[in-house]
Amino acid sequence: MRGVPDTAGGLPRTLHAIPGQPIYRRAREKTQEMKPYYEEPGITIYHGDCREILPQLDRADLILTDPPYGINYRSNHNSSRRGKWAKWVRHENLPGIQGDDKPLDPEHLFVADKVVIFGGNYCSDKLPPSRCWIVWDKRDGIGPNNQADCEMAWTNLNKPSRIYRHLWSGLLRAGEENVSKSEKLHPHQKPLALCRFILQYADMPKGAVVVDPYCGCGSTLRAAKDMGFRAIRIDIEEKYCQKAATRMAQEVLDLS
């Protein structure tokens, strides 16, 4: 799929539905039974290549994912702060993720009625036009530095574009991921609060199936579980499957 794709119903031409059949269908018969890396009621984690696993899954209600952008990103945060900041120093220069050395082709991600893809600005020539982009404002009022002010997610939601403000700048992180509460688990980790916002904005009914084919440390999965959705996550790197499984095993206390 190259250039601006022809579209029908918001889907690239190569992804048109067969009349009378769902858009998401099995691309081939299973050659072997898939074994979950981790499983609990409503939650499944698969370790492997999502391009091989996705065609073997039943249709999802929502794809929400943050795939490799093809930018060969390497974190290079300052880990030598002194003075009052010294106690919050974290060695968070994590290695790059697998697949980030190749351009992103999102064709395999159109496997649900609703699709949200972070980094859509890196492959916009391969995506249909959209009225709904979600912009994550990472500054939330602080001044600029050498890091990005925002991140952008392409969606096929038939809703207005939205800006979501949540501070995320090196050691400055709001919410559950604040350095006083947790360490950074993935070089492209997304805040739980951002994932919850997107799930809510997508108008997903309780019990809907959310799939994240590039799940990293499991923020989407954790948010989906907390909000009562069924969720499937896939990642090609086992270390991140392990981190996601650990997060799933941590129960959220109801303080209401």
C-alpha atoms as a PDB file:
ATOM      1  CA  MET A   1       0.000   0.000   0.000  1.00  0.00           C
ATOM      2  CA  ARG A   2       1.776   3.122  -1.179  1.00  0.00           C
ATOM      3  CA  GLY A   3       0.666   6.724  -1.590  1.00  0.00           C
ATOM      4  CA  VAL A   4      -2.693   8.037  -0.440  1.00  0.00           C
ATOM      5  CA  PRO A   5      -4.999   4.982  -0.393  1.00  0.00           C
ATOM      6  CA  ASP A   6      -8.412   4.837  -1.998  1.00  0.00           C
ATOM      7  CA  THR A   7     -10.968   4.454   0.755  1.00  0.00           C
ATOM      8  CA  ALA A   8     -14.420   3.053   1.328  1.00  0.00           C
ATOM      9  CA  GLY A   9     -16.044   3.468   4.707  1.00  0.00           C
ATOM     10  CA  GLY A  10     -12.824   4.926   6.095  1.00  0.00           C
ATOM     11  CA  LEU A  11     -10.757   1.799   5.304  1.00  0.00           C
ATOM     12  CA  PRO A  12      -7.900   1.480   2.812  1.00  0.00           C
ATOM     13  CA  ARG A  13      -8.870  -0.186  -0.477  1.00  0.00           C
ATOM     14  CA  THR A  14      -6.969  -3.390   0.306  1.00  0.00           C
ATOM     15  CA  LEU A  15      -9.102  -3.768   3.437  1.00  0.00           C
ATOM     16  CA  HIS A  16     -12.590  -3.599   1.901  1.00  0.00           C
ATOM     17  CA  ALA A  17     -15.121  -5.931   3.451  1.00  0.00           C
ATOM     18  CA  ILE A  18     -16.590  -8.834   1.494  1.00  0.00           C
ATOM     19  CA  PRO A  19     -20.381  -8.320   1.266  1.00  0.00           C
ATOM     20  CA  GLY A  20     -22.121 -10.155   4.064  1.00  0.00           C
ATOM     21  CA  GLN A  21     -18.904 -10.809   5.960  1.00  0.00           C
ATOM     22  CA  PRO A  22     -17.229  -8.822   8.764  1.00  0.00           C
ATOM     23  CA  ILE A  23     -14.306  -6.601   7.858  1.00  0.00           C
ATOM     24  CA  TYR A  24     -12.090  -8.496  10.285  1.00  0.00           C
ATOM     25  CA  ARG A  25     -11.719 -12.062   9.156  1.00  0.00           C
ATOM     26  CA  ARG A  26      -9.160 -14.828   9.350  1.00  0.00           C
ATOM     27  CA  ALA A  27      -6.446 -14.319   6.764  1.00  0.00           C
ATOM     28  CA  ARG A  28      -5.432 -17.972   6.958  1.00  0.00           C
ATOM     29  CA  GLU A  29      -6.175 -21.082   8.933  1.00  0.00           C
ATOM     30  CA  LYS A  30      -4.316 -21.601  12.170  1.00  0.00           C
ATOM     31  CA  THR A  31      -1.225 -23.669  11.633  1.00  0.00           C
ATOM     32  CA  GLN A  32      -0.873 -24.328  15.326  1.00  0.00           C
ATOM     33  CA  GLU A  33      -2.722 -23.473  18.487  1.00  0.00           C
ATOM     34  CA  MET A  34      -1.695 -20.128  19.925  1.00  0.00           C
ATOM     35  CA  LYS A  35      -0.662 -20.354  23.546  1.00  0.00           C
ATOM     36  CA  PRO A  36      -1.124 -17.212  25.667  1.00  0.00           C
ATOM     37  CA  TYR A  37       1.903 -15.907  27.503  1.00  0.00           C
ATOM     38  CA  TYR A  38      -0.440 -14.793  30.309  1.00  0.00           C
ATOM     39  CA  GLU A  39      -4.165 -15.193  30.798  1.00  0.00           C
ATOM     40  CA  GLU A  40      -6.822 -14.260  33.320  1.00  0.00           C
ATOM     41  CA  PRO A  41     -10.582 -13.713  32.921  1.00  0.00           C
ATOM     42  CA  GLY A  42     -11.033 -11.110  30.186  1.00  0.00           C
ATOM     43  CA  ILE A  43      -7.293 -10.517  29.676  1.00  0.00           C
ATOM     44  CA  THR A  44      -4.875 -12.293  27.337  1.00  0.00           C
ATOM     45  CA  ILE A  45      -1.236 -11.592  26.505  1.00  0.00           C
ATOM     46  CA  TYR A  46       0.482 -13.091  23.464  1.00  0.00           C
ATOM     47  CA  HIS A  47       4.231 -13.067  22.876  1.00  0.00           C
ATOM     48  CA  GLY A  48       4.979 -12.904  19.161  1.00  0.00           C
ATOM     49  CA  ASP A  49       4.696 -10.937  15.928  1.00  0.00           C
ATOM     50  CA  CYS A  50       1.295  -9.238  15.718  1.00  0.00           C
ATOM     51  CA  ARG A  51       1.274  -9.673  11.928  1.00  0.00           C
ATOM     52  CA  GLU A  52       1.091 -13.420  12.507  1.00  0.00           C
ATOM     53  CA  ILE A  53      -1.223 -13.354  15.529  1.00  0.00           C
ATOM     54  CA  LEU A  54      -3.847 -10.776  14.520  1.00  0.00           C
ATOM     55  CA  PRO A  55      -5.299 -12.823  11.613  1.00  0.00           C
ATOM     56  CA  GLN A  56      -5.946 -15.695  14.032  1.00  0.00           C
ATOM     57  CA  LEU A  57      -8.003 -13.638  16.484  1.00  0.00           C
ATOM     58  CA  ASP A  58     -11.739 -13.011  16.424  1.00  0.00           C
ATOM     59  CA  ARG A  59     -12.889  -9.562  15.457  1.00  0.00           C
ATOM     60  CA  ALA A  60     -12.082  -6.777  17.919  1.00  0.00           C
ATOM     61  CA  ASP A  61     -14.150  -3.728  18.799  1.00  0.00           C
ATOM     62  CA  LEU A  62     -11.178  -1.359  19.084  1.00  0.00           C
ATOM     63  CA  ILE A  63      -7.522  -1.332  18.085  1.00  0.00           C
ATOM     64  CA  LEU A  64      -5.618   1.087  20.321  1.00  0.00           C
ATOM     65  CA  THR A  65      -1.886   0.906  19.802  1.00  0.00           C
ATOM     66  CA  ASP A  66       1.445   2.711  19.712  1.00  0.00           C
ATOM     67  CA  PRO A  67       3.512   0.923  17.035  1.00  0.00           C
ATOM     68  CA  PRO A  68       7.173   1.526  16.134  1.00  0.00           C
ATOM     69  CA  TYR A  69       7.278   4.721  14.078  1.00  0.00           C
ATOM     70  CA  GLY A  70      10.342   3.817  12.012  1.00  0.00           C
ATOM     71  CA  ILE A  71      12.480   6.582  13.558  1.00  0.00           C
ATOM     72  CA  ASN A  72      15.111   4.401  15.278  1.00  0.00           C
ATOM     73  CA  TYR A  73      14.486   6.252  18.543  1.00  0.00           C
ATOM     74  CA  ARG A  74      17.066   6.091  21.324  1.00  0.00           C
ATOM     75  CA  SER A  75      16.313   7.684  24.682  1.00  0.00           C
ATOM     76  CA  ASN A  76      18.977  10.057  25.939  1.00  0.00           C
ATOM     77  CA  HIS A  77      17.718  11.511  29.177  1.00  0.00           C
ATOM     78  CA  ASN A  78      19.846  13.370  31.694  1.00  0.00           C
ATOM     79  CA  SER A  79      20.634  10.940  34.519  1.00  0.00           C
ATOM     80  CA  SER A  80      23.209  13.107  36.333  1.00  0.00           C
ATOM     81  CA  ARG A  81      21.050  15.706  38.048  1.00  0.00           C
ATOM     82  CA  ARG A  82      22.314  17.207  41.283  1.00  0.00           C
ATOM     83  CA  GLY A  83      20.908  19.154  44.197  1.00  0.00           C
ATOM     84  CA  LYS A  84      17.245  18.751  45.103  1.00  0.00           C
ATOM     85  CA  TRP A  85      16.597  16.677  41.962  1.00  0.00           C
ATOM     86  CA  ALA A  86      19.311  14.112  42.693  1.00  0.00           C
ATOM     87  CA  LYS A  87      17.058  11.803  44.735  1.00  0.00           C
ATOM     88  CA  TRP A  88      14.659  11.487  41.800  1.00  0.00           C
ATOM     89  CA  VAL A  89      17.265  10.451  39.244  1.00  0.00           C
ATOM     90  CA  ARG A  90      16.219   7.337  37.376  1.00  0.00           C
ATOM     91  CA  HIS A  91      18.303   5.442  34.844  1.00  0.00           C
ATOM     92  CA  GLU A  92      15.629   5.413  32.163  1.00  0.00           C
ATOM     93  CA  ASN A  93      17.725   5.345  28.997  1.00  0.00           C
ATOM     94  CA  LEU A  94      16.056   2.175  27.796  1.00  0.00           C
ATOM     95  CA  PRO A  95      17.175   0.403  24.603  1.00  0.00           C
ATOM     96  CA  GLY A  96      15.269   0.952  21.374  1.00  0.00           C
ATOM     97  CA  ILE A  97      12.358  -1.305  20.499  1.00  0.00           C
ATOM     98  CA  GLN A  98      12.327  -4.005  17.844  1.00  0.00           C
ATOM     99  CA  GLY A  99      11.019  -2.884  14.452  1.00  0.00           C
ATOM    100  CA  ASP A 100      11.698   0.834  14.888  1.00  0.00           C
ATOM    101  CA  ASP A 101      14.334   0.775  12.156  1.00  0.00           C
ATOM    102  CA  LYS A 102      11.761   0.298   9.373  1.00  0.00           C
ATOM    103  CA  PRO A 103       9.000   2.618   8.078  1.00  0.00           C
ATOM    104  CA  LEU A 104       5.578   1.956   9.563  1.00  0.00           C
ATOM    105  CA  ASP A 105       2.955   0.459   7.254  1.00  0.00           C
ATOM    106  CA  PRO A 106      -0.310   0.381   9.265  1.00  0.00           C
ATOM    107  CA  GLU A 107      -2.307  -1.866   6.907  1.00  0.00           C
ATOM    108  CA  HIS A 108      -2.340  -4.842   9.289  1.00  0.00           C
ATOM    109  CA  LEU A 109      -3.863  -2.707  12.060  1.00  0.00           C
ATOM    110  CA  PHE A 110      -7.247  -2.185  10.359  1.00  0.00           C
ATOM    111  CA  VAL A 111      -8.878  -5.156  12.030  1.00  0.00           C
ATOM    112  CA  ALA A 112     -11.659  -3.515  14.044  1.00  0.00           C
ATOM    113  CA  ASP A 113     -14.497  -1.052  13.576  1.00  0.00           C
ATOM    114  CA  LYS A 114     -12.603   1.558  15.581  1.00  0.00           C
ATOM    115  CA  VAL A 115      -8.870   2.172  15.252  1.00  0.00           C
ATOM    116  CA  VAL A 116      -6.534   4.532  17.125  1.00  0.00           C
ATOM    117  CA  ILE A 117      -2.870   4.624  16.076  1.00  0.00           C
ATOM    118  CA  PHE A 118      -0.276   6.713  17.880  1.00  0.00           C
ATOM    119  CA  GLY A 119       2.395   7.993  15.521  1.00  0.00           C
ATOM    120  CA  GLY A 120      -0.076   8.333  12.679  1.00  0.00           C
ATOM    121  CA  ASN A 121       1.762  11.489  11.629  1.00  0.00           C
ATOM    122  CA  TYR A 122       4.724   9.285  10.660  1.00  0.00           C
ATOM    123  CA  CYS A 123       2.640   7.304   8.159  1.00  0.00           C
ATOM    124  CA  SER A 124      -0.141   9.739   7.238  1.00  0.00           C
ATOM    125  CA  ASP A 125       0.430   9.036   3.535  1.00  0.00           C
ATOM    126  CA  LYS A 126      -0.769   5.468   4.175  1.00  0.00           C
ATOM    127  CA  LEU A 127      -3.857   6.422   6.214  1.00  0.00           C
ATOM    128  CA  PRO A 128      -7.303   7.681   5.128  1.00  0.00           C
ATOM    129  CA  PRO A 129      -8.183  11.305   5.924  1.00  0.00           C
ATOM    130  CA  SER A 130      -9.593  11.689   9.435  1.00  0.00           C
ATOM    131  CA  ARG A 131     -11.628  14.341  11.193  1.00  0.00           C
ATOM    132  CA  CYS A 132     -10.541  13.016  14.577  1.00  0.00           C
ATOM    133  CA  TRP A 133      -6.945  13.227  15.700  1.00  0.00           C
ATOM    134  CA  ILE A 134      -6.068  12.994  19.378  1.00  0.00           C
ATOM    135  CA  VAL A 135      -3.232  15.278  20.406  1.00  0.00           C
ATOM    136  CA  TRP A 136      -1.482  14.527  23.675  1.00  0.00           C
ATOM    137  CA  ASP A 137      -0.099  17.811  25.050  1.00  0.00           C
ATOM    138  CA  LYS A 138       2.905  16.657  27.089  1.00  0.00           C
ATOM    139  CA  ARG A 139       3.872  20.132  28.290  1.00  0.00           C
ATOM    140  CA  ASP A 140       0.632  20.994  30.114  1.00  0.00           C
ATOM    141  CA  GLY A 141       1.724  24.559  30.749  1.00  0.00           C
ATOM    142  CA  ILE A 142       5.492  24.225  31.189  1.00  0.00           C
ATOM    143  CA  GLY A 143       7.975  25.726  28.734  1.00  0.00           C
ATOM    144  CA  PRO A 144       9.455  23.863  25.752  1.00  0.00           C
ATOM    145  CA  ASN A 145      12.707  21.914  25.792  1.00  0.00           C
ATOM    146  CA  ASN A 146      14.467  19.582  23.347  1.00  0.00           C
ATOM    147  CA  GLN A 147      11.704  16.985  23.642  1.00  0.00           C
ATOM    148  CA  ALA A 148       8.454  16.929  21.685  1.00  0.00           C
ATOM    149  CA  ASP A 149       5.645  19.167  22.941  1.00  0.00           C
ATOM    150  CA  CYS A 150       3.007  16.647  21.898  1.00  0.00           C
ATOM    151  CA  GLU A 151       2.256  13.267  20.367  1.00  0.00           C
ATOM    152  CA  MET A 152      -0.465  12.624  17.807  1.00  0.00           C
ATOM    153  CA  ALA A 153      -2.815   9.677  17.329  1.00  0.00           C
ATOM    154  CA  TRP A 154      -4.738   9.071  14.107  1.00  0.00           C
ATOM    155  CA  THR A 155      -8.246   7.672  14.563  1.00  0.00           C
ATOM    156  CA  ASN A 156     -11.181   6.665  12.377  1.00  0.00           C
ATOM    157  CA  LEU A 157     -13.621   7.890  15.040  1.00  0.00           C
ATOM    158  CA  ASN A 158     -16.427  10.023  13.670  1.00  0.00           C
ATOM    159  CA  LYS A 159     -15.937  12.657  16.348  1.00  0.00           C
ATOM    160  CA  PRO A 160     -14.188  16.026  16.734  1.00  0.00           C
ATOM    161  CA  SER A 161     -10.434  16.126  17.295  1.00  0.00           C
ATOM    162  CA  ARG A 162      -9.373  16.479  20.906  1.00  0.00           C
ATOM    163  CA  ILE A 163      -6.381  17.707  22.912  1.00  0.00           C
ATOM    164  CA  TYR A 164      -5.559  15.805  26.095  1.00  0.00           C
ATOM    165  CA  ARG A 165      -3.187  17.548  28.494  1.00  0.00           C
ATOM    166  CA  HIS A 166      -1.005  15.433  30.760  1.00  0.00           C
ATOM    167  CA  LEU A 167       2.497  16.414  31.893  1.00  0.00           C
ATOM    168  CA  TRP A 168       5.217  14.054  30.676  1.00  0.00           C
ATOM    169  CA  SER A 169       8.724  15.471  30.326  1.00  0.00           C
ATOM    170  CA  GLY A 170      11.676  13.433  31.526  1.00  0.00           C
ATOM    171  CA  LEU A 171      11.481  13.202  35.313  1.00  0.00           C
ATOM    172  CA  LEU A 172       8.368  15.384  35.301  1.00  0.00           C
ATOM    173  CA  ARG A 173       5.456  12.966  34.967  1.00  0.00           C
ATOM    174  CA  ALA A 174       1.967  13.449  36.320  1.00  0.00           C
ATOM    175  CA  GLY A 175      -0.367  10.733  37.592  1.00  0.00           C
ATOM    176  CA  GLU A 176       0.412   7.133  38.468  1.00  0.00           C
ATOM    177  CA  GLU A 177       3.706   7.271  36.562  1.00  0.00           C
ATOM    178  CA  ASN A 178       5.178  10.068  38.705  1.00  0.00           C
ATOM    179  CA  VAL A 179       8.779   9.215  39.649  1.00  0.00           C
ATOM    180  CA  SER A 180       7.790   9.126  43.320  1.00  0.00           C
ATOM    181  CA  LYS A 181       5.381   6.258  42.531  1.00  0.00           C
ATOM    182  CA  SER A 182       6.913   4.170  39.762  1.00  0.00           C
ATOM    183  CA  GLU A 183       9.790   3.802  37.346  1.00  0.00           C
ATOM    184  CA  LYS A 184       9.477   4.124  33.599  1.00  0.00           C
ATOM    185  CA  LEU A 185       8.921   0.676  32.077  1.00  0.00           C
ATOM    186  CA  HIS A 186       9.180   1.308  28.313  1.00  0.00           C
ATOM    187  CA  PRO A 187      10.868   3.974  26.143  1.00  0.00           C
ATOM    188  CA  HIS A 188       7.496   4.877  24.570  1.00  0.00           C
ATOM    189  CA  GLN A 189       5.292   4.324  27.624  1.00  0.00           C
ATOM    190  CA  LYS A 190       1.936   6.094  27.611  1.00  0.00           C
ATOM    191  CA  PRO A 191       0.175   7.390  30.747  1.00  0.00           C
ATOM    192  CA  LEU A 192      -2.677   5.308  32.080  1.00  0.00           C
ATOM    193  CA  ALA A 193      -4.771   8.469  32.251  1.00  0.00           C
ATOM    194  CA  LEU A 194      -4.296   9.034  28.500  1.00  0.00           C
ATOM    195  CA  CYS A 195      -5.325   5.468  27.700  1.00  0.00           C
ATOM    196  CA  ARG A 196      -8.435   5.820  29.848  1.00  0.00           C
ATOM    197  CA  PHE A 197      -9.352   9.061  28.108  1.00  0.00           C
ATOM    198  CA  ILE A 198      -9.120   7.437  24.666  1.00  0.00           C
ATOM    199  CA  LEU A 199     -11.117   4.387  25.728  1.00  0.00           C
ATOM    200  CA  GLN A 200     -13.821   6.632  27.109  1.00  0.00           C
ATOM    201  CA  TYR A 201     -13.823   8.923  24.067  1.00  0.00           C
ATOM    202  CA  ALA A 202     -14.192   5.931  21.751  1.00  0.00           C
ATOM    203  CA  ASP A 203     -17.593   5.226  23.358  1.00  0.00           C
ATOM    204  CA  MET A 204     -16.845   1.598  24.049  1.00  0.00           C
ATOM    205  CA  PRO A 205     -19.592  -0.440  25.747  1.00  0.00           C
ATOM    206  CA  LYS A 206     -18.752  -2.492  28.808  1.00  0.00           C
ATOM    207  CA  GLY A 207     -17.299  -5.827  27.828  1.00  0.00           C
ATOM    208  CA  ALA A 208     -15.984  -4.586  24.476  1.00  0.00           C
ATOM    209  CA  VAL A 209     -12.799  -6.205  23.177  1.00  0.00           C
ATOM    210  CA  VAL A 210      -9.756  -3.917  22.986  1.00  0.00           C
ATOM    211  CA  VAL A 211      -6.632  -5.132  21.177  1.00  0.00           C
ATOM    212  CA  ASP A 212      -3.178  -3.570  21.394  1.00  0.00           C
ATOM    213  CA  PRO A 213      -0.840  -5.268  18.899  1.00  0.00           C
ATOM    214  CA  TYR A 214       2.208  -3.297  20.129  1.00  0.00           C
ATOM    215  CA  CYS A 215       1.426  -3.251  23.792  1.00  0.00           C
ATOM    216  CA  GLY A 216       4.833  -2.539  25.324  1.00  0.00           C
ATOM    217  CA  CYS A 217       4.557  -2.491  29.089  1.00  0.00           C
ATOM    218  CA  GLY A 218       0.760  -2.805  29.018  1.00  0.00           C
ATOM    219  CA  SER A 219      -0.696   0.647  29.698  1.00  0.00           C
ATOM    220  CA  THR A 220      -3.596   0.067  27.303  1.00  0.00           C
ATOM    221  CA  LEU A 221      -4.228  -3.359  28.799  1.00  0.00           C
ATOM    222  CA  ARG A 222      -4.169  -2.055  32.372  1.00  0.00           C
ATOM    223  CA  ALA A 223      -6.532   0.808  31.536  1.00  0.00           C
ATOM    224  CA  ALA A 224      -8.904  -1.521  29.695  1.00  0.00           C
ATOM    225  CA  LYS A 225      -9.008  -3.943  32.612  1.00  0.00           C
ATOM    226  CA  ASP A 226      -9.675  -1.156  35.116  1.00  0.00           C
ATOM    227  CA  MET A 227     -12.561   0.122  32.963  1.00  0.00           C
ATOM    228  CA  GLY A 228     -14.257  -3.246  32.547  1.00  0.00           C
ATOM    229  CA  PHE A 229     -13.214  -4.073  28.987  1.00  0.00           C
ATOM    230  CA  ARG A 230     -11.876  -7.339  27.682  1.00  0.00           C
ATOM    231  CA  ALA A 231      -8.378  -6.892  26.321  1.00  0.00           C
ATOM    232  CA  ILE A 232      -5.767  -8.678  24.253  1.00  0.00           C
ATOM    233  CA  ARG A 233      -2.206  -7.502  24.029  1.00  0.00           C
ATOM    234  CA  ILE A 234       0.598  -8.626  21.766  1.00  0.00           C
ATOM    235  CA  ASP A 235       4.287  -7.816  21.850  1.00  0.00           C
ATOM    236  CA  ILE A 236       7.258  -9.286  20.044  1.00  0.00           C
ATOM    237  CA  GLU A 237       9.652  -8.689  22.965  1.00  0.00           C
ATOM    238  CA  GLU A 238       9.240 -11.114  25.853  1.00  0.00           C
ATOM    239  CA  LYS A 239      10.618  -8.721  28.466  1.00  0.00           C
ATOM    240  CA  TYR A 240       7.658  -6.411  27.844  1.00  0.00           C
ATOM    241  CA  CYS A 241       5.198  -9.297  27.977  1.00  0.00           C
ATOM    242  CA  GLN A 242       6.603 -10.024  31.434  1.00  0.00           C
ATOM    243  CA  LYS A 243       6.241  -6.396  32.526  1.00  0.00           C
ATOM    244  CA  ALA A 244       2.671  -6.265  31.253  1.00  0.00           C
ATOM    245  CA  ALA A 245       1.816  -9.520  33.019  1.00  0.00           C
ATOM    246  CA  THR A 246       3.171  -8.110  36.280  1.00  0.00           C
ATOM    247  CA  ARG A 247       0.998  -5.009  35.896  1.00  0.00           C
ATOM    248  CA  MET A 248      -2.074  -7.140  35.230  1.00  0.00           C
ATOM    249  CA  ALA A 249      -1.488  -9.096  38.430  1.00  0.00           C
ATOM    250  CA  GLN A 250      -1.552  -5.875  40.461  1.00  0.00           C
ATOM    251  CA  GLU A 251      -5.099  -5.236  41.650  1.00  0.00           C
ATOM    252  CA  VAL A 252      -6.490  -1.707  41.913  1.00  0.00           C
ATOM    253  CA  LEU A 253      -7.895  -0.875  45.341  1.00  0.00           C
ATOM    254  CA  ASP A 254     -11.411   0.569  45.389  1.00  0.00           C
ATOM    255  CA  LEU A 255     -11.181   3.578  47.689  1.00  0.00           C
ATOM    256  CA  SER A 256     -14.699   4.839  46.996  1.00  0.00           C
END
